Amino acid sequence: MNKLSKNLKNLLCNAKISENELARRTGVSQQIINRILSGENKNPKIATLNPLASYFMVSISQLIGEEEFNQSMLSTAHHGWREIPVINYELLAKAPAHELMMLSGEKLLVDVKASNKVFAIKMYDDSMEPKFSKGTLLIFDSSKKPANGDFALFMLPNDKIVFRQVFIKNNKFYQKSINPNSENYKLTSLNDEFKCCGLLIQSRTDYI
């Protein structure tokens, strides 16, 4: 194992993230990261090394093994990241978000600064395309309330869970999808019985 692959593997283990998550955070494809880790790619381009080094807060020389890096510094480099639960959005109609968060087995590492009531779901249809494609990870904070123009997750009076853009006029709430081809594209008022399950604070799409 060459110095680059050894260092990158140690950095991944220290940060407790997967190849796929590193690819998501840096923009370097998972295939390239895997080839570096396996030793197949011993001399990657600077355009590949730069985002990897920047993410781990080391220099390129340190990453490729020309210089030593301080292990004690690395132990605190990612304290801003934390795990949040990924839950099935349909279950929100059956139990409060905080209960589902404790039961969820799937986790997601995020760097958002928010409350301890943050969770994620996967976009379930194409009603919010092109901004939010089906499968996009949507990250919500259930302690926050939406303002005009925000995106939020709602439970309607019929217990249906929907992700929509919010509009507020004269203290009246309205919702709509943003896909012009969706049947929910028209602006629809929300009656007093609706419940906001969370405000969207971040979204992620995996292009790999």
N, C-alpha and C. Protein backbone atom coordinates (compact mmCIF):
# COMPACT_ATOMS: atom_id res chain seq x y z
N MET A 1 0.85 -1.19 0.00
CA MET A 1 0.00 0.00 0.00
C MET A 1 0.89 1.25 0.00
N ASN A 2 0.70 2.15 -0.98
CA ASN A 2 1.51 3.36 -1.04
C ASN A 2 1.07 4.37 0.03
N LYS A 3 1.88 5.41 0.21
CA LYS A 3 1.61 6.38 1.28
C LYS A 3 0.28 7.10 1.08
N LEU A 4 -0.05 7.43 -0.17
CA LEU A 4 -1.30 8.13 -0.43
C LEU A 4 -2.49 7.29 -0.03
N SER A 5 -2.52 6.04 -0.49
CA SER A 5 -3.67 5.18 -0.18
C SER A 5 -3.75 4.91 1.32
N LYS A 6 -2.59 4.73 1.97
CA LYS A 6 -2.58 4.49 3.41
C LYS A 6 -3.09 5.71 4.17
N ASN A 7 -2.62 6.90 3.78
CA ASN A 7 -3.06 8.12 4.45
C ASN A 7 -4.55 8.37 4.27
N LEU A 8 -5.03 8.17 3.03
CA LEU A 8 -6.45 8.41 2.77
C LEU A 8 -7.31 7.42 3.55
N LYS A 9 -6.87 6.18 3.62
CA LYS A 9 -7.63 5.18 4.38
C LYS A 9 -7.68 5.56 5.86
N ASN A 10 -6.55 6.00 6.41
CA ASN A 10 -6.51 6.41 7.82
C ASN A 10 -7.41 7.63 8.07
N LEU A 11 -7.40 8.55 7.12
CA LEU A 11 -8.24 9.75 7.26
C LEU A 11 -9.72 9.39 7.23
N LEU A 12 -10.09 8.47 6.37
CA LEU A 12 -11.48 8.02 6.30
C LEU A 12 -11.89 7.34 7.60
N CYS A 13 -11.02 6.48 8.12
CA CYS A 13 -11.33 5.78 9.37
C CYS A 13 -11.45 6.77 10.52
N ASN A 14 -10.57 7.75 10.56
CA ASN A 14 -10.59 8.76 11.61
C ASN A 14 -11.88 9.58 11.57
N ALA A 15 -12.31 9.93 10.36
CA ALA A 15 -13.52 10.74 10.19
C ALA A 15 -14.79 9.91 10.27
N LYS A 16 -14.64 8.57 10.22
CA LYS A 16 -15.77 7.64 10.31
C LYS A 16 -16.78 7.88 9.20
N ILE A 17 -16.28 8.01 7.97
CA ILE A 17 -17.16 8.16 6.82
C ILE A 17 -16.78 7.15 5.75
N SER A 18 -17.71 6.87 4.87
CA SER A 18 -17.51 5.90 3.79
C SER A 18 -16.93 6.58 2.55
N GLU A 19 -16.52 5.76 1.59
CA GLU A 19 -16.06 6.29 0.31
C GLU A 19 -17.16 7.11 -0.36
N ASN A 20 -18.37 6.58 -0.30
CA ASN A 20 -19.50 7.25 -0.94
C ASN A 20 -19.77 8.62 -0.31
N GLU A 21 -19.68 8.67 1.02
CA GLU A 21 -19.93 9.94 1.71
C GLU A 21 -18.82 10.95 1.41
N LEU A 22 -17.58 10.47 1.32
CA LEU A 22 -16.47 11.37 0.98
C LEU A 22 -16.67 11.91 -0.44
N ALA A 23 -17.12 11.05 -1.33
CA ALA A 23 -17.39 11.49 -2.71
C ALA A 23 -18.47 12.56 -2.72
N ARG A 24 -19.50 12.36 -1.92
CA ARG A 24 -20.60 13.32 -1.86
C ARG A 24 -20.12 14.68 -1.35
N ARG A 25 -19.25 14.66 -0.37
CA ARG A 25 -18.82 15.90 0.27
C ARG A 25 -17.75 16.66 -0.53
N THR A 26 -16.96 15.94 -1.32
CA THR A 26 -15.85 16.58 -2.02
C THR A 26 -16.08 16.79 -3.51
N GLY A 27 -17.01 16.01 -4.09
CA GLY A 27 -17.22 16.09 -5.53
C GLY A 27 -16.29 15.19 -6.33
N VAL A 28 -15.39 14.48 -5.65
CA VAL A 28 -14.53 13.50 -6.31
C VAL A 28 -15.30 12.20 -6.41
N SER A 29 -15.35 11.58 -7.59
CA SER A 29 -16.18 10.40 -7.76
C SER A 29 -15.73 9.25 -6.88
N GLN A 30 -16.68 8.40 -6.49
CA GLN A 30 -16.37 7.26 -5.64
C GLN A 30 -15.42 6.30 -6.34
N GLN A 31 -15.55 6.18 -7.66
CA GLN A 31 -14.67 5.29 -8.41
C GLN A 31 -13.21 5.73 -8.29
N ILE A 32 -12.97 7.04 -8.38
CA ILE A 32 -11.60 7.55 -8.26
C ILE A 32 -11.07 7.34 -6.85
N ILE A 33 -11.91 7.61 -5.86
CA ILE A 33 -11.50 7.41 -4.46
C ILE A 33 -11.15 5.94 -4.22
N ASN A 34 -11.96 5.04 -4.75
CA ASN A 34 -11.71 3.61 -4.58
C ASN A 34 -10.39 3.19 -5.23
N ARG A 35 -10.09 3.75 -6.39
CA ARG A 35 -8.84 3.41 -7.09
C ARG A 35 -7.62 3.93 -6.33
N ILE A 36 -7.78 5.07 -5.66
CA ILE A 36 -6.68 5.59 -4.83
C ILE A 36 -6.47 4.68 -3.62
N LEU A 37 -7.56 4.29 -2.97
CA LEU A 37 -7.48 3.44 -1.78
C LEU A 37 -6.90 2.07 -2.09
N SER A 38 -7.23 1.54 -3.26
CA SER A 38 -6.74 0.21 -3.64
C SER A 38 -5.30 0.24 -4.13
N GLY A 39 -4.78 1.45 -4.40
CA GLY A 39 -3.43 1.58 -4.91
C GLY A 39 -3.35 1.54 -6.42
N GLU A 40 -4.50 1.38 -7.08
CA GLU A 40 -4.52 1.32 -8.54
C GLU A 40 -4.12 2.67 -9.14
N ASN A 41 -4.59 3.75 -8.53
CA ASN A 41 -4.23 5.09 -8.98
C ASN A 41 -3.23 5.68 -7.99
N LYS A 42 -1.95 5.62 -8.34
CA LYS A 42 -0.90 6.08 -7.44
C LYS A 42 -0.52 7.54 -7.67
N ASN A 43 -0.97 8.09 -8.78
CA ASN A 43 -0.57 9.46 -9.11
C ASN A 43 -1.77 10.26 -9.64
N PRO A 44 -2.78 10.49 -8.78
CA PRO A 44 -3.96 11.24 -9.22
C PRO A 44 -3.64 12.69 -9.54
N LYS A 45 -4.52 13.30 -10.29
CA LYS A 45 -4.33 14.69 -10.69
C LYS A 45 -4.49 15.63 -9.49
N ILE A 46 -3.89 16.81 -9.61
CA ILE A 46 -4.02 17.84 -8.57
C ILE A 46 -5.48 18.19 -8.35
N ALA A 47 -6.26 18.19 -9.44
CA ALA A 47 -7.69 18.51 -9.34
C ALA A 47 -8.43 17.50 -8.49
N THR A 48 -7.89 16.29 -8.37
CA THR A 48 -8.46 15.26 -7.50
C THR A 48 -7.95 15.41 -6.07
N LEU A 49 -6.66 15.64 -5.93
CA LEU A 49 -6.05 15.72 -4.61
C LEU A 49 -6.48 16.96 -3.82
N ASN A 50 -6.67 18.06 -4.52
CA ASN A 50 -6.96 19.32 -3.83
C ASN A 50 -8.23 19.28 -2.98
N PRO A 51 -9.39 18.83 -3.53
CA PRO A 51 -10.58 18.78 -2.68
C PRO A 51 -10.48 17.77 -1.55
N LEU A 52 -9.74 16.68 -1.77
CA LEU A 52 -9.57 15.68 -0.71
C LEU A 52 -8.73 16.26 0.43
N ALA A 53 -7.63 16.92 0.07
CA ALA A 53 -6.78 17.54 1.08
C ALA A 53 -7.52 18.65 1.83
N SER A 54 -8.28 19.45 1.09
CA SER A 54 -9.03 20.55 1.71
C SER A 54 -10.05 20.03 2.70
N TYR A 55 -10.74 18.94 2.32
CA TYR A 55 -11.76 18.39 3.21
C TYR A 55 -11.15 17.92 4.53
N PHE A 56 -10.01 17.23 4.44
CA PHE A 56 -9.38 16.69 5.65
C PHE A 56 -8.46 17.69 6.35
N MET A 57 -8.40 18.92 5.81
CA MET A 57 -7.62 19.99 6.43
C MET A 57 -6.14 19.64 6.52
N VAL A 58 -5.62 19.04 5.46
CA VAL A 58 -4.19 18.76 5.35
C VAL A 58 -3.70 19.33 4.03
N SER A 59 -2.39 19.43 3.87
CA SER A 59 -1.84 19.88 2.59
C SER A 59 -1.75 18.70 1.62
N ILE A 60 -1.60 18.98 0.35
CA ILE A 60 -1.43 17.91 -0.63
C ILE A 60 -0.16 17.12 -0.31
N SER A 61 0.89 17.81 0.10
CA SER A 61 2.15 17.13 0.45
C SER A 61 1.95 16.16 1.61
N GLN A 62 1.12 16.56 2.57
CA GLN A 62 0.82 15.66 3.69
C GLN A 62 -0.03 14.49 3.24
N LEU A 63 -0.99 14.76 2.36
CA LEU A 63 -1.88 13.70 1.89
C LEU A 63 -1.11 12.62 1.14
N ILE A 64 -0.18 13.01 0.29
CA ILE A 64 0.54 12.03 -0.53
C ILE A 64 1.75 11.44 0.20
N GLY A 65 2.01 11.92 1.43
CA GLY A 65 3.06 11.31 2.24
C GLY A 65 4.41 11.95 2.16
N GLU A 66 4.51 13.09 1.50
CA GLU A 66 5.81 13.79 1.44
C GLU A 66 6.11 14.50 2.76
N GLU A 67 5.05 14.88 3.48
CA GLU A 67 5.20 15.51 4.79
C GLU A 67 4.31 14.79 5.79
N GLU A 68 4.70 14.82 7.05
CA GLU A 68 3.90 14.21 8.11
C GLU A 68 2.78 15.17 8.51
N PHE A 69 1.64 14.61 8.94
CA PHE A 69 0.59 15.47 9.49
C PHE A 69 0.32 15.10 10.94
N ASN A 70 -0.23 16.04 11.67
CA ASN A 70 -0.46 15.90 13.10
C ASN A 70 -1.74 15.11 13.35
N GLN A 71 -1.62 13.90 13.88
CA GLN A 71 -2.78 13.05 14.13
C GLN A 71 -3.73 13.66 15.16
N SER A 72 -3.20 14.37 16.15
CA SER A 72 -4.06 14.97 17.17
C SER A 72 -4.96 16.04 16.60
N MET A 73 -4.46 16.74 15.56
CA MET A 73 -5.28 17.76 14.90
C MET A 73 -6.44 17.12 14.16
N LEU A 74 -6.19 15.95 13.56
CA LEU A 74 -7.23 15.29 12.77
C LEU A 74 -8.39 14.82 13.64
N SER A 75 -8.12 14.52 14.90
CA SER A 75 -9.17 13.99 15.76
C SER A 75 -10.27 15.00 16.03
N THR A 76 -10.00 16.30 15.80
CA THR A 76 -11.01 17.32 16.05
C THR A 76 -11.49 18.00 14.77
N ALA A 77 -11.01 17.54 13.62
CA ALA A 77 -11.30 18.23 12.37
C ALA A 77 -12.75 18.13 11.94
N HIS A 78 -13.46 17.10 12.41
CA HIS A 78 -14.80 16.88 11.90
C HIS A 78 -15.86 16.87 13.01
N HIS A 79 -15.56 17.59 14.09
CA HIS A 79 -16.52 17.61 15.19
C HIS A 79 -17.81 18.32 14.82
N GLY A 80 -17.81 19.07 13.72
CA GLY A 80 -19.03 19.75 13.30
C GLY A 80 -20.03 18.83 12.61
N TRP A 81 -19.60 17.60 12.31
CA TRP A 81 -20.48 16.63 11.63
C TRP A 81 -21.17 15.76 12.66
N ARG A 82 -22.37 15.33 12.33
CA ARG A 82 -23.09 14.43 13.23
C ARG A 82 -24.05 13.55 12.44
N GLU A 83 -24.51 12.49 13.09
CA GLU A 83 -25.44 11.57 12.45
C GLU A 83 -26.87 12.00 12.71
N ILE A 84 -27.70 11.89 11.68
CA ILE A 84 -29.14 12.09 11.86
C ILE A 84 -29.86 10.89 11.27
N PRO A 85 -31.07 10.60 11.72
CA PRO A 85 -31.80 9.45 11.19
C PRO A 85 -32.47 9.74 9.85
N VAL A 86 -32.51 8.73 9.00
CA VAL A 86 -33.28 8.79 7.76
C VAL A 86 -34.52 7.95 7.99
N ILE A 87 -35.70 8.57 7.89
CA ILE A 87 -36.93 7.87 8.23
C ILE A 87 -37.85 7.76 7.02
N ASN A 88 -38.75 6.81 7.08
CA ASN A 88 -39.76 6.62 6.04
C ASN A 88 -40.83 7.71 6.21
N TYR A 89 -40.97 8.55 5.20
CA TYR A 89 -41.87 9.71 5.34
C TYR A 89 -43.31 9.30 5.62
N GLU A 90 -43.73 8.14 5.11
CA GLU A 90 -45.12 7.70 5.30
C GLU A 90 -45.43 7.43 6.78
N LEU A 91 -44.40 7.06 7.54
CA LEU A 91 -44.60 6.75 8.96
C LEU A 91 -44.87 7.99 9.79
N LEU A 92 -44.57 9.17 9.24
CA LEU A 92 -44.82 10.41 9.97
C LEU A 92 -46.30 10.62 10.26
N ALA A 93 -47.14 9.98 9.47
CA ALA A 93 -48.59 10.09 9.69
C ALA A 93 -49.04 9.19 10.85
N LYS A 94 -48.15 8.29 11.29
CA LYS A 94 -48.52 7.31 12.31
C LYS A 94 -47.84 7.56 13.66
N ALA A 95 -46.73 8.30 13.63
CA ALA A 95 -46.00 8.55 14.87
C ALA A 95 -45.25 9.87 14.77
N PRO A 96 -45.03 10.55 15.90
CA PRO A 96 -44.27 11.81 15.87
C PRO A 96 -42.85 11.59 15.37
N ALA A 97 -42.29 12.63 14.79
CA ALA A 97 -40.95 12.53 14.21
C ALA A 97 -39.92 12.10 15.25
N HIS A 98 -40.01 12.63 16.49
CA HIS A 98 -38.99 12.31 17.49
C HIS A 98 -39.00 10.83 17.86
N GLU A 99 -40.17 10.17 17.80
CA GLU A 99 -40.24 8.73 18.07
C GLU A 99 -39.62 7.94 16.93
N LEU A 100 -39.91 8.33 15.70
CA LEU A 100 -39.35 7.65 14.54
C LEU A 100 -37.84 7.83 14.47
N MET A 101 -37.36 8.98 14.91
CA MET A 101 -35.92 9.25 14.91
C MET A 101 -35.18 8.25 15.79
N MET A 102 -35.78 7.86 16.90
CA MET A 102 -35.13 6.92 17.81
C MET A 102 -35.16 5.50 17.27
N LEU A 103 -36.14 5.19 16.42
CA LEU A 103 -36.29 3.84 15.90
C LEU A 103 -35.54 3.61 14.60
N SER A 104 -35.17 4.68 13.92
CA SER A 104 -34.55 4.55 12.60
C SER A 104 -33.17 3.90 12.69
N GLY A 105 -32.94 2.95 11.77
CA GLY A 105 -31.63 2.29 11.71
C GLY A 105 -30.71 2.95 10.71
N GLU A 106 -31.28 3.62 9.70
CA GLU A 106 -30.46 4.26 8.68
C GLU A 106 -30.04 5.65 9.16
N LYS A 107 -28.76 5.96 8.98
CA LYS A 107 -28.22 7.24 9.44
C LYS A 107 -27.57 8.00 8.30
N LEU A 108 -27.46 9.31 8.49
CA LEU A 108 -26.83 10.19 7.51
C LEU A 108 -25.93 11.17 8.24
N LEU A 109 -24.70 11.34 7.76
CA LEU A 109 -23.78 12.32 8.35
C LEU A 109 -24.01 13.69 7.72
N VAL A 110 -24.21 14.69 8.56
CA VAL A 110 -24.48 16.04 8.06
C VAL A 110 -23.63 17.05 8.82
N ASP A 111 -23.47 18.23 8.22
CA ASP A 111 -22.70 19.29 8.86
C ASP A 111 -23.57 20.49 9.19
N VAL A 112 -24.88 20.28 9.28
CA VAL A 112 -25.80 21.38 9.53
C VAL A 112 -25.77 21.78 11.00
N LYS A 113 -25.91 23.09 11.24
CA LYS A 113 -26.02 23.60 12.60
C LYS A 113 -27.49 23.82 12.88
N ALA A 114 -28.07 22.91 13.63
CA ALA A 114 -29.51 22.98 13.90
C ALA A 114 -29.79 22.29 15.23
N SER A 115 -31.07 22.14 15.54
CA SER A 115 -31.48 21.54 16.80
C SER A 115 -31.25 20.03 16.77
N ASN A 116 -31.62 19.37 17.86
CA ASN A 116 -31.51 17.91 17.91
C ASN A 116 -32.75 17.24 17.33
N LYS A 117 -33.59 18.03 16.65
CA LYS A 117 -34.81 17.49 16.04
C LYS A 117 -34.68 17.48 14.51
N VAL A 118 -33.50 17.09 14.05
CA VAL A 118 -33.22 17.06 12.61
C VAL A 118 -33.31 15.63 12.10
N PHE A 119 -33.96 15.44 10.97
CA PHE A 119 -34.08 14.12 10.36
C PHE A 119 -34.10 14.27 8.85
N ALA A 120 -33.99 13.16 8.15
CA ALA A 120 -34.00 13.18 6.69
C ALA A 120 -35.01 12.19 6.15
N ILE A 121 -35.54 12.50 4.96
CA ILE A 121 -36.35 11.55 4.21
C ILE A 121 -35.83 11.56 2.77
N LYS A 122 -36.26 10.58 1.99
CA LYS A 122 -35.92 10.56 0.57
C LYS A 122 -37.13 11.05 -0.21
N MET A 123 -36.90 11.95 -1.16
CA MET A 123 -37.99 12.48 -1.97
C MET A 123 -38.70 11.33 -2.66
N TYR A 124 -40.02 11.30 -2.52
CA TYR A 124 -40.80 10.13 -2.88
C TYR A 124 -41.42 10.17 -4.27
N ASP A 125 -41.46 11.34 -4.93
CA ASP A 125 -42.04 11.41 -6.27
C ASP A 125 -41.41 12.56 -7.05
N ASP A 126 -42.02 12.91 -8.20
CA ASP A 126 -41.43 13.96 -9.05
C ASP A 126 -42.16 15.29 -8.94
N SER A 127 -42.98 15.45 -7.90
CA SER A 127 -43.80 16.66 -7.79
C SER A 127 -42.99 17.93 -7.54
N MET A 128 -41.73 17.77 -7.10
CA MET A 128 -40.91 18.95 -6.80
C MET A 128 -39.72 19.08 -7.74
N GLU A 129 -39.78 18.37 -8.85
CA GLU A 129 -38.73 18.54 -9.87
C GLU A 129 -38.91 19.88 -10.56
N PRO A 130 -37.85 20.46 -11.12
CA PRO A 130 -36.50 19.88 -11.25
C PRO A 130 -35.59 20.14 -10.05
N LYS A 131 -36.02 20.92 -9.10
CA LYS A 131 -35.15 21.27 -7.97
C LYS A 131 -34.88 20.08 -7.06
N PHE A 132 -35.91 19.27 -6.80
CA PHE A 132 -35.78 18.12 -5.92
C PHE A 132 -36.26 16.87 -6.66
N SER A 133 -35.33 16.12 -7.21
CA SER A 133 -35.67 14.92 -7.96
C SER A 133 -36.03 13.78 -7.01
N LYS A 134 -36.74 12.79 -7.53
CA LYS A 134 -37.07 11.61 -6.74
C LYS A 134 -35.79 10.95 -6.26
N GLY A 135 -35.73 10.63 -4.98
CA GLY A 135 -34.53 10.04 -4.39
C GLY A 135 -33.62 11.03 -3.70
N THR A 136 -33.85 12.34 -3.92
CA THR A 136 -33.05 13.36 -3.24
C THR A 136 -33.22 13.24 -1.72
N LEU A 137 -32.14 13.34 -0.98
CA LEU A 137 -32.23 13.34 0.47
C LEU A 137 -32.62 14.74 0.95
N LEU A 138 -33.72 14.81 1.67
CA LEU A 138 -34.23 16.07 2.19
C LEU A 138 -34.03 16.10 3.70
N ILE A 139 -33.38 17.13 4.19
CA ILE A 139 -33.05 17.22 5.61
C ILE A 139 -33.90 18.31 6.26
N PHE A 140 -34.63 17.94 7.31
CA PHE A 140 -35.59 18.83 7.96
C PHE A 140 -35.25 19.05 9.42
N ASP A 141 -35.66 20.21 9.92
CA ASP A 141 -35.61 20.50 11.35
C ASP A 141 -37.05 20.68 11.81
N SER A 142 -37.52 19.74 12.64
CA SER A 142 -38.92 19.79 13.07
C SER A 142 -39.19 20.86 14.12
N SER A 143 -38.14 21.51 14.61
CA SER A 143 -38.33 22.58 15.61
C SER A 143 -38.55 23.94 14.96
N LYS A 144 -38.36 24.01 13.65
CA LYS A 144 -38.47 25.30 12.95
C LYS A 144 -39.77 25.40 12.16
N LYS A 145 -40.26 26.61 12.03
CA LYS A 145 -41.49 26.87 11.28
C LYS A 145 -41.15 27.58 9.97
N PRO A 146 -41.89 27.30 8.91
CA PRO A 146 -41.58 27.89 7.61
C PRO A 146 -42.02 29.34 7.48
N ALA A 147 -41.26 30.08 6.69
CA ALA A 147 -41.62 31.45 6.31
C ALA A 147 -42.05 31.43 4.85
N ASN A 148 -42.54 32.54 4.37
CA ASN A 148 -43.01 32.63 2.99
C ASN A 148 -41.89 32.26 2.01
N GLY A 149 -42.17 31.30 1.12
CA GLY A 149 -41.20 30.88 0.13
C GLY A 149 -40.35 29.70 0.54
N ASP A 150 -40.42 29.28 1.80
CA ASP A 150 -39.65 28.14 2.27
C ASP A 150 -40.23 26.83 1.74
N PHE A 151 -39.47 25.76 1.96
CA PHE A 151 -39.94 24.41 1.63
C PHE A 151 -40.12 23.65 2.93
N ALA A 152 -41.21 22.90 3.03
CA ALA A 152 -41.50 22.22 4.28
C ALA A 152 -42.25 20.91 4.04
N LEU A 153 -42.25 20.09 5.08
CA LEU A 153 -42.96 18.81 5.06
C LEU A 153 -44.23 18.98 5.89
N PHE A 154 -45.37 18.62 5.30
CA PHE A 154 -46.66 18.80 5.96
C PHE A 154 -47.41 17.49 6.12
N MET A 155 -48.23 17.43 7.17
CA MET A 155 -49.22 16.37 7.28
C MET A 155 -50.58 17.03 7.11
N LEU A 156 -51.31 16.60 6.09
CA LEU A 156 -52.63 17.16 5.80
C LEU A 156 -53.69 16.51 6.67
N PRO A 157 -54.89 17.07 6.74
CA PRO A 157 -55.95 16.51 7.58
C PRO A 157 -56.29 15.05 7.29
N ASN A 158 -56.04 14.61 6.04
CA ASN A 158 -56.30 13.20 5.69
C ASN A 158 -55.12 12.30 6.02
N ASP A 159 -54.17 12.82 6.81
CA ASP A 159 -52.96 12.11 7.24
C ASP A 159 -51.95 11.89 6.11
N LYS A 160 -52.14 12.54 4.99
CA LYS A 160 -51.18 12.43 3.90
C LYS A 160 -49.99 13.35 4.16
N ILE A 161 -48.79 12.83 3.94
CA ILE A 161 -47.57 13.60 4.12
C ILE A 161 -47.11 14.14 2.78
N VAL A 162 -46.88 15.45 2.69
CA VAL A 162 -46.46 16.06 1.43
C VAL A 162 -45.30 17.02 1.67
N PHE A 163 -44.42 17.12 0.68
CA PHE A 163 -43.32 18.08 0.69
C PHE A 163 -43.65 19.15 -0.33
N ARG A 164 -43.76 20.40 0.11
CA ARG A 164 -44.22 21.47 -0.77
C ARG A 164 -43.51 22.80 -0.45
N GLN A 165 -43.65 23.73 -1.40
CA GLN A 165 -43.21 25.09 -1.14
C GLN A 165 -44.34 25.83 -0.44
N VAL A 166 -43.97 26.69 0.50
CA VAL A 166 -44.95 27.38 1.34
C VAL A 166 -45.09 28.84 0.92
N PHE A 167 -46.34 29.28 0.90
CA PHE A 167 -46.62 30.70 0.65
C PHE A 167 -47.56 31.19 1.75
N ILE A 168 -47.28 32.38 2.26
CA ILE A 168 -48.09 32.93 3.35
C ILE A 168 -48.59 34.31 2.96
N LYS A 169 -49.91 34.50 3.04
CA LYS A 169 -50.52 35.78 2.72
C LYS A 169 -51.61 36.07 3.72
N ASN A 170 -51.51 37.22 4.38
CA ASN A 170 -52.49 37.61 5.41
C ASN A 170 -52.64 36.52 6.47
N ASN A 171 -51.50 35.95 6.89
CA ASN A 171 -51.46 34.90 7.91
C ASN A 171 -52.14 33.60 7.47
N LYS A 172 -52.42 33.48 6.19
CA LYS A 172 -53.01 32.27 5.64
C LYS A 172 -51.92 31.48 4.91
N PHE A 173 -51.87 30.17 5.16
CA PHE A 173 -50.85 29.32 4.57
C PHE A 173 -51.36 28.66 3.29
N TYR A 174 -50.48 28.64 2.28
CA TYR A 174 -50.77 27.98 1.01
C TYR A 174 -49.58 27.08 0.67
N GLN A 175 -49.85 26.05 -0.14
CA GLN A 175 -48.78 25.15 -0.56
C GLN A 175 -48.96 24.77 -2.02
N LYS A 176 -47.83 24.46 -2.68
CA LYS A 176 -47.88 24.00 -4.06
C LYS A 176 -46.60 23.24 -4.38
N SER A 177 -46.70 22.36 -5.39
CA SER A 177 -45.50 21.71 -5.91
C SER A 177 -44.84 22.69 -6.88
N ILE A 178 -43.61 22.40 -7.30
CA ILE A 178 -42.93 23.30 -8.23
C ILE A 178 -42.74 22.66 -9.60
N ASN A 179 -43.25 21.45 -9.77
CA ASN A 179 -43.19 20.79 -11.07
C ASN A 179 -44.42 21.21 -11.87
N PRO A 180 -44.25 21.95 -12.98
CA PRO A 180 -45.41 22.41 -13.75
C PRO A 180 -46.25 21.29 -14.35
N ASN A 181 -45.69 20.08 -14.39
CA ASN A 181 -46.43 18.94 -14.93
C ASN A 181 -47.18 18.17 -13.85
N SER A 182 -47.03 18.60 -12.61
CA SER A 182 -47.70 17.91 -11.50
C SER A 182 -49.12 18.41 -11.32
N GLU A 183 -50.01 17.52 -10.90
CA GLU A 183 -51.40 17.92 -10.64
C GLU A 183 -51.50 18.82 -9.42
N ASN A 184 -50.43 18.88 -8.62
CA ASN A 184 -50.41 19.72 -7.43
C ASN A 184 -49.68 21.04 -7.65
N TYR A 185 -49.49 21.41 -8.93
CA TYR A 185 -48.75 22.63 -9.25
C TYR A 185 -49.53 23.88 -8.85
N LYS A 186 -50.84 23.78 -8.81
CA LYS A 186 -51.65 24.95 -8.46
C LYS A 186 -51.54 25.26 -6.96
N LEU A 187 -51.69 26.54 -6.64
CA LEU A 187 -51.63 26.99 -5.26
C LEU A 187 -52.87 26.53 -4.51
N THR A 188 -52.66 25.87 -3.37
CA THR A 188 -53.76 25.32 -2.59
C THR A 188 -53.66 25.81 -1.15
N SER A 189 -54.77 26.24 -0.60
CA SER A 189 -54.75 26.72 0.78
C SER A 189 -54.66 25.55 1.76
N LEU A 190 -54.03 25.81 2.88
CA LEU A 190 -53.93 24.82 3.95
C LEU A 190 -54.89 25.24 5.05
N ASN A 191 -55.79 24.33 5.42
CA ASN A 191 -56.73 24.70 6.48
C ASN A 191 -56.05 24.62 7.84
N ASP A 192 -56.78 24.98 8.87
CA ASP A 192 -56.20 25.09 10.21
C ASP A 192 -55.76 23.76 10.80
N GLU A 193 -56.13 22.65 10.17
CA GLU A 193 -55.82 21.33 10.73
C GLU A 193 -54.50 20.75 10.22
N PHE A 194 -53.81 21.47 9.34
CA PHE A 194 -52.55 20.92 8.84
C PHE A 194 -51.47 21.00 9.92
N LYS A 195 -50.46 20.15 9.78
CA LYS A 195 -49.35 20.13 10.73
C LYS A 195 -48.04 20.22 9.97
N CYS A 196 -47.16 21.10 10.40
CA CYS A 196 -45.83 21.20 9.79
C CYS A 196 -44.91 20.20 10.49
N CYS A 197 -44.39 19.24 9.73
CA CYS A 197 -43.52 18.21 10.29
C CYS A 197 -42.05 18.63 10.31
N GLY A 198 -41.71 19.65 9.53
CA GLY A 198 -40.32 20.09 9.51
C GLY A 198 -40.03 21.07 8.41
N LEU A 199 -39.07 21.95 8.66
CA LEU A 199 -38.61 22.92 7.67
C LEU A 199 -37.38 22.37 6.96
N LEU A 200 -37.35 22.45 5.64
CA LEU A 200 -36.19 21.98 4.89
C LEU A 200 -34.98 22.88 5.18
N ILE A 201 -33.87 22.27 5.60
CA ILE A 201 -32.66 23.06 5.87
C ILE A 201 -31.50 22.65 4.97
N GLN A 202 -31.63 21.51 4.30
CA GLN A 202 -30.58 21.08 3.37
C GLN A 202 -31.12 19.95 2.50
N SER A 203 -30.55 19.83 1.29
CA SER A 203 -30.91 18.70 0.42
C SER A 203 -29.64 18.18 -0.23
N ARG A 204 -29.66 16.90 -0.59
CA ARG A 204 -28.50 16.27 -1.22
C ARG A 204 -28.96 15.36 -2.34
N THR A 205 -28.23 15.41 -3.42
CA THR A 205 -28.48 14.50 -4.54
C THR A 205 -27.19 13.77 -4.85
N ASP A 206 -27.28 12.44 -4.95
CA ASP A 206 -26.11 11.63 -5.26
C ASP A 206 -26.06 11.41 -6.75
N TYR A 207 -25.05 11.95 -7.41
CA TYR A 207 -24.93 11.83 -8.86
C TYR A 207 -24.07 10.65 -9.28
N ILE A 208 -23.57 9.88 -8.34
CA ILE A 208 -22.66 8.79 -8.67
C ILE A 208 -23.44 7.56 -9.09
